[in-house]
N, C-alpha and C. Protein backbone atom coordinates (compact mmCIF):
# COMPACT_ATOMS: atom_id res chain seq x y z
N MET A 1 6.10 -20.49 -18.90
CA MET A 1 6.40 -18.83 -17.55
C MET A 1 5.52 -18.87 -17.58
N SER A 2 5.52 -17.98 -16.28
CA SER A 2 4.53 -16.99 -15.89
C SER A 2 3.32 -16.67 -16.31
N GLU A 3 2.19 -16.76 -15.56
CA GLU A 3 1.20 -15.33 -16.06
C GLU A 3 0.81 -14.42 -15.43
N ARG A 4 1.33 -12.99 -15.34
CA ARG A 4 1.58 -11.90 -14.88
C ARG A 4 -0.59 -11.55 -14.54
N ALA A 5 -1.15 -11.96 -13.72
CA ALA A 5 -2.31 -10.75 -13.36
C ALA A 5 -2.35 -9.48 -12.63
N ARG A 6 -2.51 -8.63 -12.66
CA ARG A 6 -2.84 -7.08 -12.94
C ARG A 6 -4.20 -6.61 -11.50
N ALA A 7 -4.06 -5.94 -10.45
CA ALA A 7 -4.65 -5.51 -10.35
C ALA A 7 -5.25 -3.52 -10.53
N THR A 8 -5.81 -2.60 -10.70
CA THR A 8 -5.91 -1.11 -10.43
C THR A 8 -6.93 -0.93 -9.32
N SER A 9 -6.75 0.38 -9.08
CA SER A 9 -7.30 1.00 -7.51
C SER A 9 -7.88 2.53 -8.53
N GLY A 10 -7.73 2.87 -9.64
CA GLY A 10 -7.82 3.76 -9.96
C GLY A 10 -7.76 4.99 -10.32
N SER A 11 -6.11 4.97 -9.52
CA SER A 11 -5.23 6.49 -8.95
C SER A 11 -4.46 6.90 -10.45
N PRO A 12 -5.11 8.31 -10.31
CA PRO A 12 -4.63 8.95 -11.73
C PRO A 12 -3.05 8.36 -11.80
N TYR A 13 -2.70 8.53 -11.70
CA TYR A 13 -0.66 8.24 -11.46
C TYR A 13 -0.55 6.85 -12.23
N GLU A 14 -2.26 5.87 -11.80
CA GLU A 14 -2.00 4.31 -12.64
C GLU A 14 -1.82 4.59 -14.53
N LYS A 15 -2.90 5.47 -15.17
CA LYS A 15 -2.38 5.45 -16.01
C LYS A 15 -1.30 6.37 -16.49
N THR A 16 -1.44 7.62 -16.22
CA THR A 16 -0.71 8.58 -16.35
C THR A 16 1.18 8.05 -15.66
N PHE A 17 1.89 7.28 -15.14
CA PHE A 17 3.06 6.74 -15.36
C PHE A 17 3.50 5.47 -15.36
N GLY A 18 1.91 4.50 -16.21
CA GLY A 18 2.71 3.61 -16.59
C GLY A 18 2.82 2.04 -15.74
N PHE A 19 1.37 2.23 -14.67
CA PHE A 19 1.75 1.23 -13.94
C PHE A 19 0.71 0.53 -13.31
N ALA A 20 0.46 -0.33 -12.72
CA ALA A 20 -0.29 -1.20 -12.33
C ALA A 20 -0.21 -1.19 -10.97
N ARG A 21 -2.06 -0.81 -9.77
CA ARG A 21 -1.57 -1.00 -8.10
C ARG A 21 -1.04 -2.58 -7.96
N ALA A 22 -0.95 -3.18 -8.71
CA ALA A 22 -1.10 -4.58 -7.85
C ALA A 22 0.01 -5.39 -8.97
N VAL A 23 0.76 -6.51 -8.79
CA VAL A 23 0.84 -7.46 -10.04
C VAL A 23 1.35 -8.83 -9.48
N ARG A 24 0.12 -9.94 -10.05
CA ARG A 24 0.69 -11.24 -9.49
C ARG A 24 1.36 -12.16 -10.64
N VAL A 25 2.62 -12.93 -10.12
CA VAL A 25 3.21 -13.86 -11.10
C VAL A 25 3.76 -15.33 -10.03
N ASP A 26 2.75 -16.36 -10.05
CA ASP A 26 2.49 -17.46 -9.52
C ASP A 26 1.86 -17.17 -8.24
N ASP A 27 2.45 -17.69 -6.88
CA ASP A 27 2.14 -17.09 -5.46
C ASP A 27 2.12 -15.76 -5.18
N ARG A 28 2.97 -15.21 -6.03
CA ARG A 28 3.33 -13.95 -5.75
C ARG A 28 2.63 -12.51 -5.70
N ILE A 29 2.75 -11.59 -4.26
CA ILE A 29 1.80 -10.31 -5.68
C ILE A 29 2.15 -9.41 -4.60
N ILE A 30 3.02 -8.45 -5.31
CA ILE A 30 3.44 -6.55 -5.37
C ILE A 30 2.89 -5.81 -5.82
N VAL A 31 2.51 -5.53 -4.64
CA VAL A 31 1.93 -4.25 -4.97
C VAL A 31 3.00 -2.99 -5.06
N ALA A 32 2.48 -2.02 -5.79
CA ALA A 32 3.81 -0.40 -5.63
C ALA A 32 3.13 0.24 -4.68
N GLY A 33 4.24 1.05 -4.36
CA GLY A 33 3.66 1.77 -3.37
C GLY A 33 2.34 2.97 -3.90
N THR A 34 1.80 3.19 -2.77
CA THR A 34 0.28 3.44 -2.63
C THR A 34 -0.50 4.29 -1.54
N GLY A 35 -0.52 5.95 -2.08
CA GLY A 35 -0.87 7.23 -1.72
C GLY A 35 -2.09 7.22 -0.59
N PRO A 36 -2.84 8.27 -0.15
CA PRO A 36 -3.83 8.18 0.38
C PRO A 36 -4.45 8.87 -0.73
N VAL A 37 -4.74 8.25 -1.72
CA VAL A 37 -6.11 9.01 -2.75
C VAL A 37 -6.87 8.18 -2.99
N GLU A 38 -8.11 9.16 -2.78
CA GLU A 38 -9.81 8.07 -3.23
C GLU A 38 -10.25 8.42 -3.84
N PRO A 39 -11.08 7.26 -3.94
CA PRO A 39 -12.27 7.05 -5.71
C PRO A 39 -12.21 8.12 -6.42
N ASP A 40 -12.34 9.70 -6.01
CA ASP A 40 -12.94 10.47 -7.20
C ASP A 40 -11.09 11.42 -7.45
N GLY A 41 -10.23 10.96 -6.61
CA GLY A 41 -8.07 11.24 -7.47
C GLY A 41 -8.26 12.41 -6.00
N SER A 42 -9.28 12.17 -5.49
CA SER A 42 -8.53 13.39 -4.34
C SER A 42 -7.88 12.58 -2.99
N THR A 43 -6.78 13.93 -2.14
CA THR A 43 -6.12 12.92 -1.37
C THR A 43 -7.29 12.73 -0.17
N THR A 44 -6.57 11.54 0.91
CA THR A 44 -8.02 11.15 1.77
C THR A 44 -7.02 12.57 2.81
N THR A 45 -8.54 13.00 3.33
CA THR A 45 -8.27 14.58 4.01
C THR A 45 -7.93 13.66 5.71
N GLY A 46 -7.33 14.69 6.97
CA GLY A 46 -6.83 14.21 8.09
C GLY A 46 -5.64 13.69 7.80
N GLY A 47 -5.32 13.59 9.03
CA GLY A 47 -3.68 13.35 9.21
C GLY A 47 -3.62 11.68 9.30
N ALA A 48 -1.98 12.12 9.60
CA ALA A 48 -0.96 10.62 9.50
C ALA A 48 -2.02 8.96 8.91
N ALA A 49 -2.61 9.34 9.93
CA ALA A 49 -2.94 7.88 10.18
C ALA A 49 -5.41 7.43 9.81
N GLU A 50 -4.93 8.91 9.06
CA GLU A 50 -6.37 8.47 8.34
C GLU A 50 -5.39 7.93 6.99
N GLN A 51 -4.72 8.34 6.18
CA GLN A 51 -3.84 8.14 5.46
C GLN A 51 -3.30 6.86 5.15
N ALA A 52 -2.45 6.47 6.10
CA ALA A 52 -2.33 5.09 6.34
C ALA A 52 -3.63 4.14 6.11
N ALA A 53 -4.44 4.20 6.51
CA ALA A 53 -5.91 3.33 6.83
C ALA A 53 -6.32 3.01 4.88
N ARG A 54 -6.01 4.76 4.74
CA ARG A 54 -6.54 4.87 3.31
C ARG A 54 -5.68 4.24 2.56
N CYS A 55 -4.24 4.64 2.50
CA CYS A 55 -3.40 2.76 1.92
C CYS A 55 -3.85 1.94 2.39
N CYS A 56 -3.63 1.27 3.01
CA CYS A 56 -3.36 -0.07 3.14
C CYS A 56 -5.53 -0.66 3.17
N ALA A 57 -6.13 0.05 2.95
CA ALA A 57 -7.13 0.08 2.51
C ALA A 57 -7.05 -0.90 1.00
N ILE A 58 -6.34 0.11 -0.15
CA ILE A 58 -6.18 0.31 -1.24
C ILE A 58 -5.20 -1.17 -0.91
N ILE A 59 -5.01 -1.14 -0.63
CA ILE A 59 -3.18 -2.35 -0.34
C ILE A 59 -3.99 -3.71 -0.52
N VAL A 60 -4.96 -3.99 0.34
CA VAL A 60 -5.63 -4.90 0.78
C VAL A 60 -6.88 -5.21 -0.77
N ALA A 61 -7.17 -4.62 -0.63
CA ALA A 61 -8.44 -4.71 -2.21
C ALA A 61 -7.59 -5.13 -3.03
N ALA A 62 -6.48 -4.48 -3.53
CA ALA A 62 -5.87 -5.14 -4.47
C ALA A 62 -5.70 -6.45 -4.39
N ILE A 63 -5.29 -6.87 -3.06
CA ILE A 63 -4.22 -8.49 -3.13
C ILE A 63 -5.43 -9.19 -2.70
N GLU A 64 -6.80 -8.71 -2.59
CA GLU A 64 -7.80 -9.77 -2.28
C GLU A 64 -8.47 -9.97 -3.92
N GLU A 65 -8.00 -8.86 -5.09
CA GLU A 65 -8.61 -9.03 -6.26
C GLU A 65 -7.74 -9.48 -6.40
N LEU A 66 -6.79 -10.18 -6.44
CA LEU A 66 -5.47 -10.86 -6.98
C LEU A 66 -5.03 -11.77 -6.56
N GLY A 67 -6.72 -12.62 -5.88
CA GLY A 67 -6.71 -13.94 -5.12
C GLY A 67 -6.57 -13.96 -3.48
N GLY A 68 -4.97 -13.24 -2.27
CA GLY A 68 -4.44 -13.00 -1.25
C GLY A 68 -5.65 -11.91 -0.62
N SER A 69 -5.12 -12.47 0.60
CA SER A 69 -5.54 -12.22 1.46
C SER A 69 -4.52 -10.20 2.40
N ALA A 70 -4.51 -10.06 3.58
CA ALA A 70 -4.05 -9.25 4.34
C ALA A 70 -3.44 -10.36 4.96
N ALA A 71 -3.32 -11.93 5.36
CA ALA A 71 -2.67 -12.31 6.09
C ALA A 71 -1.55 -12.66 5.12
N ASP A 72 -1.61 -12.62 4.42
CA ASP A 72 -0.70 -13.49 3.10
C ASP A 72 1.01 -12.50 2.46
N VAL A 73 0.19 -11.49 3.41
CA VAL A 73 1.70 -9.78 3.08
C VAL A 73 2.64 -10.06 4.05
N VAL A 74 4.00 -10.43 3.14
CA VAL A 74 5.28 -10.98 3.77
C VAL A 74 5.75 -9.58 4.30
N ARG A 75 5.62 -8.35 3.13
CA ARG A 75 6.92 -7.46 3.68
C ARG A 75 5.90 -6.11 3.00
N THR A 76 5.67 -5.28 3.61
CA THR A 76 5.10 -4.17 4.02
C THR A 76 6.84 -2.51 3.73
N ARG A 77 6.75 -1.65 3.50
CA ARG A 77 7.29 -0.14 3.49
C ARG A 77 6.44 1.04 3.60
N MET A 78 7.00 1.84 4.82
CA MET A 78 5.69 2.67 4.65
C MET A 78 6.77 3.55 4.91
N LEU A 79 6.80 4.90 4.13
CA LEU A 79 7.60 6.24 3.55
C LEU A 79 6.75 7.52 4.33
N LEU A 80 6.93 8.20 5.23
CA LEU A 80 7.09 8.89 5.84
C LEU A 80 7.29 10.63 5.57
N THR A 81 6.97 11.06 5.14
CA THR A 81 7.49 13.12 4.77
C THR A 81 7.44 13.63 6.61
N ASP A 82 6.96 12.99 7.83
CA ASP A 82 7.29 13.78 9.29
C ASP A 82 7.73 12.13 10.03
N PRO A 83 8.75 11.93 10.56
CA PRO A 83 9.24 11.30 11.75
C PRO A 83 7.89 11.10 12.61
N ALA A 84 7.43 12.28 12.87
CA ALA A 84 6.88 12.82 14.17
C ALA A 84 5.25 11.88 14.51
N ASP A 85 5.37 10.83 12.35
CA ASP A 85 3.81 9.92 12.18
C ASP A 85 3.99 9.03 12.33
N GLN A 86 5.64 8.36 12.81
CA GLN A 86 5.65 6.47 13.28
C GLN A 86 5.08 6.36 13.83
N ASP A 87 4.69 6.94 15.19
CA ASP A 87 3.25 5.87 15.60
C ASP A 87 2.26 5.68 15.53
N ALA A 88 1.57 6.71 14.87
CA ALA A 88 0.25 6.81 14.36
C ALA A 88 0.18 5.90 13.06
N VAL A 89 1.54 5.53 12.73
CA VAL A 89 1.17 5.44 10.88
C VAL A 89 1.79 3.70 11.31
N GLY A 90 2.36 3.41 12.67
CA GLY A 90 2.76 1.83 12.87
C GLY A 90 1.68 1.73 13.45
N GLU A 91 0.50 2.31 14.36
CA GLU A 91 -0.65 1.70 14.60
C GLU A 91 -1.31 1.18 13.49
N VAL A 92 -1.38 2.01 12.91
CA VAL A 92 -3.02 1.60 11.13
C VAL A 92 -1.83 0.21 11.14
N HIS A 93 -0.94 0.00 10.32
CA HIS A 93 0.28 -1.19 9.94
C HIS A 93 -0.11 -2.33 10.75
N ALA A 94 -0.37 -1.82 12.17
CA ALA A 94 -0.59 -2.97 12.57
C ALA A 94 -2.38 -3.32 13.20
N ARG A 95 -3.05 -2.77 13.30
CA ARG A 95 -4.82 -2.77 13.07
C ARG A 95 -4.29 -3.65 11.96
N PHE A 96 -3.88 -3.16 10.34
CA PHE A 96 -4.20 -4.31 9.26
C PHE A 96 -3.33 -5.70 8.84
N PHE A 97 -1.92 -5.35 9.77
CA PHE A 97 -1.40 -6.09 9.23
C PHE A 97 -0.22 -7.19 10.37
N GLY A 98 -0.96 -6.69 11.34
CA GLY A 98 -0.42 -7.26 12.65
C GLY A 98 -0.49 -8.56 12.45
N ALA A 99 -1.82 -9.19 12.25
CA ALA A 99 -1.92 -11.07 12.56
C ALA A 99 -0.62 -11.58 11.55
N ALA A 100 -0.62 -11.17 10.55
CA ALA A 100 0.50 -11.55 9.61
C ALA A 100 1.96 -11.00 10.06
N ARG A 101 2.59 -10.07 10.80
CA ARG A 101 3.76 -9.35 11.09
C ARG A 101 4.40 -9.89 9.49
N PRO A 102 4.21 -8.78 9.22
CA PRO A 102 5.32 -9.05 8.07
C PRO A 102 6.56 -8.90 7.91
N ALA A 103 7.87 -9.13 7.39
CA ALA A 103 9.05 -7.82 7.54
C ALA A 103 8.31 -6.93 7.14
N ALA A 104 9.08 -5.08 8.07
CA ALA A 104 8.44 -4.31 7.99
C ALA A 104 9.41 -2.98 7.43
N THR A 105 9.64 -2.22 6.54
CA THR A 105 10.77 -1.04 6.98
C THR A 105 9.58 0.38 7.23
N MET A 106 10.21 1.05 7.37
CA MET A 106 9.52 2.49 7.32
C MET A 106 10.83 4.06 7.68
N ALA A 107 10.61 4.27 6.89
CA ALA A 107 11.52 4.90 6.67
C ALA A 107 11.33 6.67 6.63
N GLY A 108 11.92 7.40 6.47
CA GLY A 108 12.05 9.36 6.43
C GLY A 108 12.37 9.49 4.72
N VAL A 109 11.52 10.24 4.62
CA VAL A 109 11.73 10.64 3.18
C VAL A 109 11.26 11.81 2.53
N ALA A 110 11.54 12.90 1.27
CA ALA A 110 11.88 14.43 1.63
C ALA A 110 10.32 14.83 1.11
N TRP A 111 9.56 13.53 -0.06
CA TRP A 111 8.67 14.28 -0.45
C TRP A 111 7.53 13.36 -1.03
N LEU A 112 6.27 13.39 -1.30
CA LEU A 112 5.46 11.87 -1.27
C LEU A 112 5.22 12.94 -3.64
N CYS A 113 4.24 12.16 -4.28
CA CYS A 113 3.61 12.53 -5.44
C CYS A 113 2.97 13.62 -5.01
N ARG A 114 2.46 13.82 -3.98
CA ARG A 114 1.19 14.98 -3.69
C ARG A 114 2.18 15.65 -2.43
N PRO A 115 2.07 17.38 -1.76
CA PRO A 115 2.36 17.42 -1.19
C PRO A 115 1.86 17.73 -0.03
N GLU A 116 0.23 17.04 0.03
CA GLU A 116 -0.36 17.14 1.56
C GLU A 116 -0.25 15.95 1.93
N TRP A 117 0.55 14.55 0.66
CA TRP A 117 0.69 13.42 0.93
C TRP A 117 1.70 13.27 1.81
N ARG A 118 1.58 12.81 3.23
CA ARG A 118 2.47 11.88 4.87
C ARG A 118 2.39 11.11 4.96
N VAL A 119 2.08 10.53 4.13
CA VAL A 119 2.73 7.98 3.97
C VAL A 119 1.84 8.10 2.52
N GLU A 120 3.18 6.67 1.56
CA GLU A 120 2.90 6.00 1.13
C GLU A 120 3.79 4.95 1.71
N ILE A 121 3.26 3.30 0.94
CA ILE A 121 2.77 2.25 1.77
C ILE A 121 2.74 1.06 0.61
N GLU A 122 3.87 0.12 0.59
CA GLU A 122 4.14 -0.77 -0.58
C GLU A 122 3.92 -2.05 0.61
N ALA A 123 3.47 -3.41 -0.02
CA ALA A 123 3.35 -4.23 0.28
C ALA A 123 3.87 -5.47 -0.65
N GLU A 124 4.15 -6.90 -0.57
CA GLU A 124 4.40 -8.23 -1.12
C GLU A 124 3.96 -9.30 0.25
N ALA A 125 3.17 -9.78 -0.97
CA ALA A 125 2.36 -10.91 -0.76
C ALA A 125 2.67 -12.54 -1.23
N VAL A 126 2.79 -12.95 -0.39
CA VAL A 126 2.58 -14.62 -0.72
C VAL A 126 1.63 -15.64 -1.14
N VAL A 127 0.75 -15.95 -1.76
CA VAL A 127 -0.74 -16.81 -1.33
C VAL A 127 -0.56 -18.37 -0.52
N ARG A 128 -1.26 -18.44 -0.06
CA ARG A 128 -0.80 -19.65 0.27
C ARG A 128 -1.78 -21.29 -0.61
N GLY A 129 -1.07 -22.44 -0.32
CA GLY A 129 -1.89 -23.15 -1.45
C GLY A 129 -2.27 -22.27 -2.57
């Protein structure tokens, strides 16, 4: 049986909603939908690009905590509340994951956990060797 390792980010939703930021089973790391939450629990200020950068930083930190890296990312999903933000979020995605060139989905949604969130991102990684 495979063992599970978990990473947390300190998001107030992890304990309240009962989930881990990321879970590793064997060579696979799955990162939950990640919103732009600062260490103090507040929302990242700024526009969609700043929020996306915070989401990506949290994702990469969780993957690294579980023994992987941004280069191991094979799939991402970007959820946006405003389609006008797609270029800004896409540029941030490329900055963090462009070298890995994961399969990616960008979709519009009606709402996210907090009304001020413009983006939420999730990822999957496969750790080599």
